[in-house]
Amino acid sequence: MVRTGSAGVELEPCTLLNLAYGGISFRLPRAPSKHENYWFLIDLAEPFDQLVLVRARVCWVRPAGSVASEAGAVFVESSKGWLGPEDDPE
């Protein structure tokens, strides 16, 4: 997750739980705000081999133990078209 704060832009590591055409679910130490937009830098492994920057709006947040939260977000914008065969550069 990419956050902006008083120190500027920061990358906050989070765990990708699920990736779908319309959005993602993830786990992170600090709960994001529901209905807010956040930027995520997603490293897509084989067969994509791409680093994608997406903006997603958080739809739900729930506790995941005493020191973490899980959240789900819907994609709003992407730096690359990577979701279908029509986006294949070859």
N, C-alpha and C. Protein backbone atom coordinates (compact mmCIF):
# COMPACT_ATOMS: atom_id res chain seq x y z
N MET A 1 0.86 -1.17 0.00
CA MET A 1 0.00 0.00 0.00
C MET A 1 0.90 1.23 0.00
N VAL A 2 0.52 2.21 -0.78
CA VAL A 2 1.27 3.47 -0.84
C VAL A 2 0.51 4.49 0.00
N ARG A 3 1.17 5.03 1.01
CA ARG A 3 0.53 6.04 1.87
C ARG A 3 1.33 7.33 1.77
N THR A 4 0.64 8.43 1.91
CA THR A 4 1.32 9.72 2.00
C THR A 4 1.10 10.27 3.39
N GLY A 5 2.15 10.81 3.95
CA GLY A 5 2.07 11.34 5.30
C GLY A 5 3.02 12.50 5.45
N SER A 6 3.30 12.86 6.67
CA SER A 6 4.19 14.00 6.94
C SER A 6 5.60 13.75 6.43
N ALA A 7 6.00 12.49 6.35
CA ALA A 7 7.34 12.14 5.85
C ALA A 7 7.35 11.95 4.34
N GLY A 8 6.22 12.19 3.69
CA GLY A 8 6.14 12.02 2.23
C GLY A 8 5.48 10.70 1.88
N VAL A 9 5.87 10.16 0.75
CA VAL A 9 5.30 8.90 0.27
C VAL A 9 5.99 7.73 0.96
N GLU A 10 5.19 6.81 1.49
CA GLU A 10 5.72 5.63 2.17
C GLU A 10 5.06 4.38 1.60
N LEU A 11 5.83 3.31 1.48
CA LEU A 11 5.27 2.01 1.11
C LEU A 11 5.03 1.23 2.39
N GLU A 12 3.79 0.82 2.60
CA GLU A 12 3.45 0.01 3.76
C GLU A 12 3.20 -1.41 3.29
N PRO A 13 4.05 -2.34 3.69
CA PRO A 13 3.85 -3.73 3.24
C PRO A 13 2.51 -4.27 3.71
N CYS A 14 1.84 -4.96 2.82
CA CYS A 14 0.61 -5.65 3.18
C CYS A 14 0.59 -6.98 2.42
N THR A 15 -0.22 -7.89 2.89
CA THR A 15 -0.30 -9.22 2.30
C THR A 15 -1.52 -9.30 1.40
N LEU A 16 -1.30 -9.64 0.15
CA LEU A 16 -2.39 -9.82 -0.80
C LEU A 16 -3.07 -11.15 -0.49
N LEU A 17 -4.37 -11.12 -0.19
CA LEU A 17 -5.11 -12.33 0.13
C LEU A 17 -5.85 -12.87 -1.09
N ASN A 18 -6.38 -11.96 -1.91
CA ASN A 18 -7.15 -12.38 -3.06
C ASN A 18 -7.08 -11.28 -4.12
N LEU A 19 -6.93 -11.70 -5.36
CA LEU A 19 -6.88 -10.77 -6.49
C LEU A 19 -7.91 -11.22 -7.50
N ALA A 20 -8.80 -10.33 -7.90
CA ALA A 20 -9.84 -10.64 -8.87
C ALA A 20 -9.88 -9.53 -9.91
N TYR A 21 -10.70 -9.72 -10.93
CA TYR A 21 -10.81 -8.70 -11.98
C TYR A 21 -11.27 -7.36 -11.42
N GLY A 22 -12.13 -7.39 -10.43
CA GLY A 22 -12.71 -6.15 -9.92
C GLY A 22 -12.05 -5.56 -8.71
N GLY A 23 -11.18 -6.32 -8.01
CA GLY A 23 -10.60 -5.77 -6.80
C GLY A 23 -9.68 -6.74 -6.09
N ILE A 24 -9.37 -6.41 -4.84
CA ILE A 24 -8.43 -7.18 -4.04
C ILE A 24 -8.93 -7.26 -2.59
N SER A 25 -8.42 -8.25 -1.88
CA SER A 25 -8.51 -8.26 -0.43
C SER A 25 -7.09 -8.41 0.09
N PHE A 26 -6.83 -7.83 1.25
CA PHE A 26 -5.46 -7.75 1.76
C PHE A 26 -5.46 -7.65 3.28
N ARG A 27 -4.30 -7.94 3.87
CA ARG A 27 -4.10 -7.85 5.33
C ARG A 27 -2.96 -6.87 5.57
N LEU A 28 -3.13 -6.00 6.57
CA LEU A 28 -2.08 -5.05 6.90
C LEU A 28 -2.16 -4.69 8.38
N PRO A 29 -1.06 -4.14 8.93
CA PRO A 29 -1.03 -3.83 10.37
C PRO A 29 -1.99 -2.72 10.78
N ARG A 30 -2.14 -1.68 9.95
CA ARG A 30 -3.03 -0.57 10.30
C ARG A 30 -4.28 -0.63 9.43
N ALA A 31 -5.42 -0.43 10.05
CA ALA A 31 -6.68 -0.49 9.29
C ALA A 31 -6.80 0.72 8.37
N PRO A 32 -7.16 0.48 7.10
CA PRO A 32 -7.43 1.60 6.21
C PRO A 32 -8.82 2.16 6.50
N SER A 33 -9.10 3.34 6.02
CA SER A 33 -10.42 3.94 6.21
C SER A 33 -11.38 3.44 5.15
N LYS A 34 -12.54 3.01 5.59
CA LYS A 34 -13.57 2.52 4.68
C LYS A 34 -14.03 3.66 3.77
N HIS A 35 -14.25 3.34 2.51
CA HIS A 35 -14.70 4.26 1.45
C HIS A 35 -13.62 5.21 0.97
N GLU A 36 -12.39 5.09 1.46
CA GLU A 36 -11.29 5.92 0.98
C GLU A 36 -10.56 5.22 -0.16
N ASN A 37 -9.94 6.00 -1.03
CA ASN A 37 -9.12 5.47 -2.12
C ASN A 37 -7.67 5.38 -1.67
N TYR A 38 -7.01 4.28 -2.03
CA TYR A 38 -5.60 4.07 -1.72
C TYR A 38 -4.90 3.56 -2.98
N TRP A 39 -3.61 3.80 -3.04
CA TRP A 39 -2.79 3.27 -4.13
C TRP A 39 -2.09 2.02 -3.64
N PHE A 40 -2.00 1.01 -4.51
CA PHE A 40 -1.31 -0.25 -4.21
C PHE A 40 -0.33 -0.54 -5.33
N LEU A 41 0.84 -0.98 -4.97
CA LEU A 41 1.84 -1.43 -5.92
C LEU A 41 1.83 -2.95 -5.85
N ILE A 42 1.35 -3.60 -6.93
CA ILE A 42 1.16 -5.05 -6.93
C ILE A 42 2.19 -5.68 -7.85
N ASP A 43 2.97 -6.59 -7.31
CA ASP A 43 3.96 -7.33 -8.07
C ASP A 43 3.31 -8.61 -8.57
N LEU A 44 2.97 -8.64 -9.86
CA LEU A 44 2.33 -9.81 -10.46
C LEU A 44 3.40 -10.77 -10.95
N ALA A 45 3.37 -11.98 -10.44
CA ALA A 45 4.33 -13.01 -10.83
C ALA A 45 3.90 -13.64 -12.15
N GLU A 46 4.48 -14.79 -12.44
CA GLU A 46 4.16 -15.53 -13.68
C GLU A 46 2.65 -15.68 -13.83
N PRO A 47 2.08 -15.58 -14.94
CA PRO A 47 2.69 -15.37 -16.25
C PRO A 47 2.82 -13.90 -16.63
N PHE A 48 2.43 -12.98 -15.72
CA PHE A 48 2.40 -11.56 -16.06
C PHE A 48 3.78 -10.89 -16.01
N ASP A 49 4.53 -11.15 -14.94
CA ASP A 49 5.83 -10.51 -14.72
C ASP A 49 5.73 -8.99 -14.87
N GLN A 50 4.81 -8.40 -14.14
CA GLN A 50 4.59 -6.96 -14.20
C GLN A 50 4.46 -6.38 -12.80
N LEU A 51 4.82 -5.13 -12.70
CA LEU A 51 4.59 -4.35 -11.50
C LEU A 51 3.49 -3.36 -11.87
N VAL A 52 2.37 -3.40 -11.15
CA VAL A 52 1.21 -2.61 -11.51
C VAL A 52 0.84 -1.69 -10.35
N LEU A 53 0.56 -0.45 -10.66
CA LEU A 53 0.08 0.51 -9.67
C LEU A 53 -1.42 0.67 -9.88
N VAL A 54 -2.20 0.40 -8.83
CA VAL A 54 -3.66 0.51 -8.92
C VAL A 54 -4.17 1.43 -7.82
N ARG A 55 -5.27 2.09 -8.13
CA ARG A 55 -5.99 2.85 -7.11
C ARG A 55 -7.26 2.07 -6.83
N ALA A 56 -7.55 1.87 -5.56
CA ALA A 56 -8.71 1.06 -5.18
C ALA A 56 -9.44 1.73 -4.02
N ARG A 57 -10.76 1.59 -4.01
CA ARG A 57 -11.60 2.13 -2.94
C ARG A 57 -11.95 1.02 -1.96
N VAL A 58 -11.63 1.24 -0.70
CA VAL A 58 -11.89 0.24 0.35
C VAL A 58 -13.39 0.12 0.59
N CYS A 59 -13.89 -1.11 0.51
CA CYS A 59 -15.33 -1.39 0.68
C CYS A 59 -15.64 -1.96 2.06
N TRP A 60 -14.71 -2.73 2.61
CA TRP A 60 -14.95 -3.32 3.93
C TRP A 60 -13.63 -3.48 4.67
N VAL A 61 -13.72 -3.45 5.99
CA VAL A 61 -12.55 -3.62 6.88
C VAL A 61 -13.01 -4.45 8.07
N ARG A 62 -12.16 -5.41 8.49
CA ARG A 62 -12.48 -6.20 9.68
C ARG A 62 -11.18 -6.53 10.41
N PRO A 63 -11.26 -6.75 11.73
CA PRO A 63 -10.07 -7.13 12.49
C PRO A 63 -9.58 -8.50 12.06
N ALA A 64 -8.27 -8.69 12.12
CA ALA A 64 -7.66 -9.99 11.81
C ALA A 64 -6.64 -10.27 12.91
N GLY A 65 -7.11 -10.59 14.07
CA GLY A 65 -6.24 -10.79 15.21
C GLY A 65 -6.05 -9.48 15.96
N SER A 66 -5.14 -9.48 16.90
CA SER A 66 -4.97 -8.29 17.75
C SER A 66 -4.08 -7.23 17.12
N VAL A 67 -3.33 -7.57 16.08
CA VAL A 67 -2.39 -6.59 15.52
C VAL A 67 -2.54 -6.39 14.01
N ALA A 68 -3.65 -6.80 13.44
CA ALA A 68 -3.81 -6.66 12.00
C ALA A 68 -5.26 -6.43 11.63
N SER A 69 -5.46 -6.02 10.40
CA SER A 69 -6.79 -5.84 9.82
C SER A 69 -6.81 -6.45 8.43
N GLU A 70 -7.98 -6.89 8.01
CA GLU A 70 -8.18 -7.33 6.64
C GLU A 70 -9.16 -6.37 6.00
N ALA A 71 -8.99 -6.16 4.70
CA ALA A 71 -9.85 -5.23 3.98
C ALA A 71 -10.07 -5.72 2.56
N GLY A 72 -11.14 -5.23 1.96
CA GLY A 72 -11.42 -5.51 0.57
C GLY A 72 -11.62 -4.20 -0.16
N ALA A 73 -11.15 -4.13 -1.40
CA ALA A 73 -11.23 -2.89 -2.17
C ALA A 73 -11.55 -3.19 -3.62
N VAL A 74 -12.27 -2.27 -4.25
CA VAL A 74 -12.62 -2.39 -5.65
C VAL A 74 -11.69 -1.47 -6.46
N PHE A 75 -11.23 -1.94 -7.62
CA PHE A 75 -10.33 -1.15 -8.44
C PHE A 75 -11.05 0.06 -9.02
N VAL A 76 -10.35 1.18 -9.01
CA VAL A 76 -10.85 2.42 -9.57
C VAL A 76 -10.01 2.82 -10.79
N GLU A 77 -8.70 2.51 -10.74
CA GLU A 77 -7.77 2.91 -11.79
C GLU A 77 -6.56 1.99 -11.77
N SER A 78 -5.95 1.78 -12.94
CA SER A 78 -4.76 0.94 -13.03
C SER A 78 -3.74 1.59 -13.95
N SER A 79 -2.45 1.40 -13.64
CA SER A 79 -1.39 1.96 -14.47
C SER A 79 -1.22 1.19 -15.77
N LYS A 80 -1.72 -0.04 -15.81
CA LYS A 80 -1.58 -0.89 -16.99
C LYS A 80 -2.87 -1.68 -17.18
N GLY A 81 -3.15 -2.03 -18.44
CA GLY A 81 -4.20 -2.99 -18.70
C GLY A 81 -3.61 -4.37 -18.55
N TRP A 82 -4.06 -5.14 -17.57
CA TRP A 82 -3.43 -6.43 -17.29
C TRP A 82 -4.45 -7.51 -16.97
N LEU A 83 -5.71 -7.22 -17.20
CA LEU A 83 -6.73 -8.14 -16.74
C LEU A 83 -7.28 -9.09 -17.80
N GLY A 84 -6.87 -8.97 -19.05
CA GLY A 84 -7.45 -9.86 -20.06
C GLY A 84 -6.55 -10.05 -21.26
N PRO A 85 -6.91 -10.99 -22.15
CA PRO A 85 -6.07 -11.30 -23.29
C PRO A 85 -5.91 -10.12 -24.24
N GLU A 86 -6.90 -9.22 -24.30
CA GLU A 86 -6.77 -8.06 -25.19
C GLU A 86 -5.68 -7.12 -24.74
N ASP A 87 -5.22 -7.27 -23.49
CA ASP A 87 -4.17 -6.42 -22.96
C ASP A 87 -2.78 -7.01 -23.14
N ASP A 88 -2.68 -8.19 -23.73
CA ASP A 88 -1.39 -8.84 -23.97
C ASP A 88 -0.63 -8.06 -25.04
N PRO A 89 0.60 -7.58 -24.75
CA PRO A 89 1.34 -6.75 -25.71
C PRO A 89 1.82 -7.51 -26.95
N GLU A 90 1.78 -8.84 -26.96
CA GLU A 90 2.29 -9.58 -28.10
C GLU A 90 1.28 -9.75 -29.18
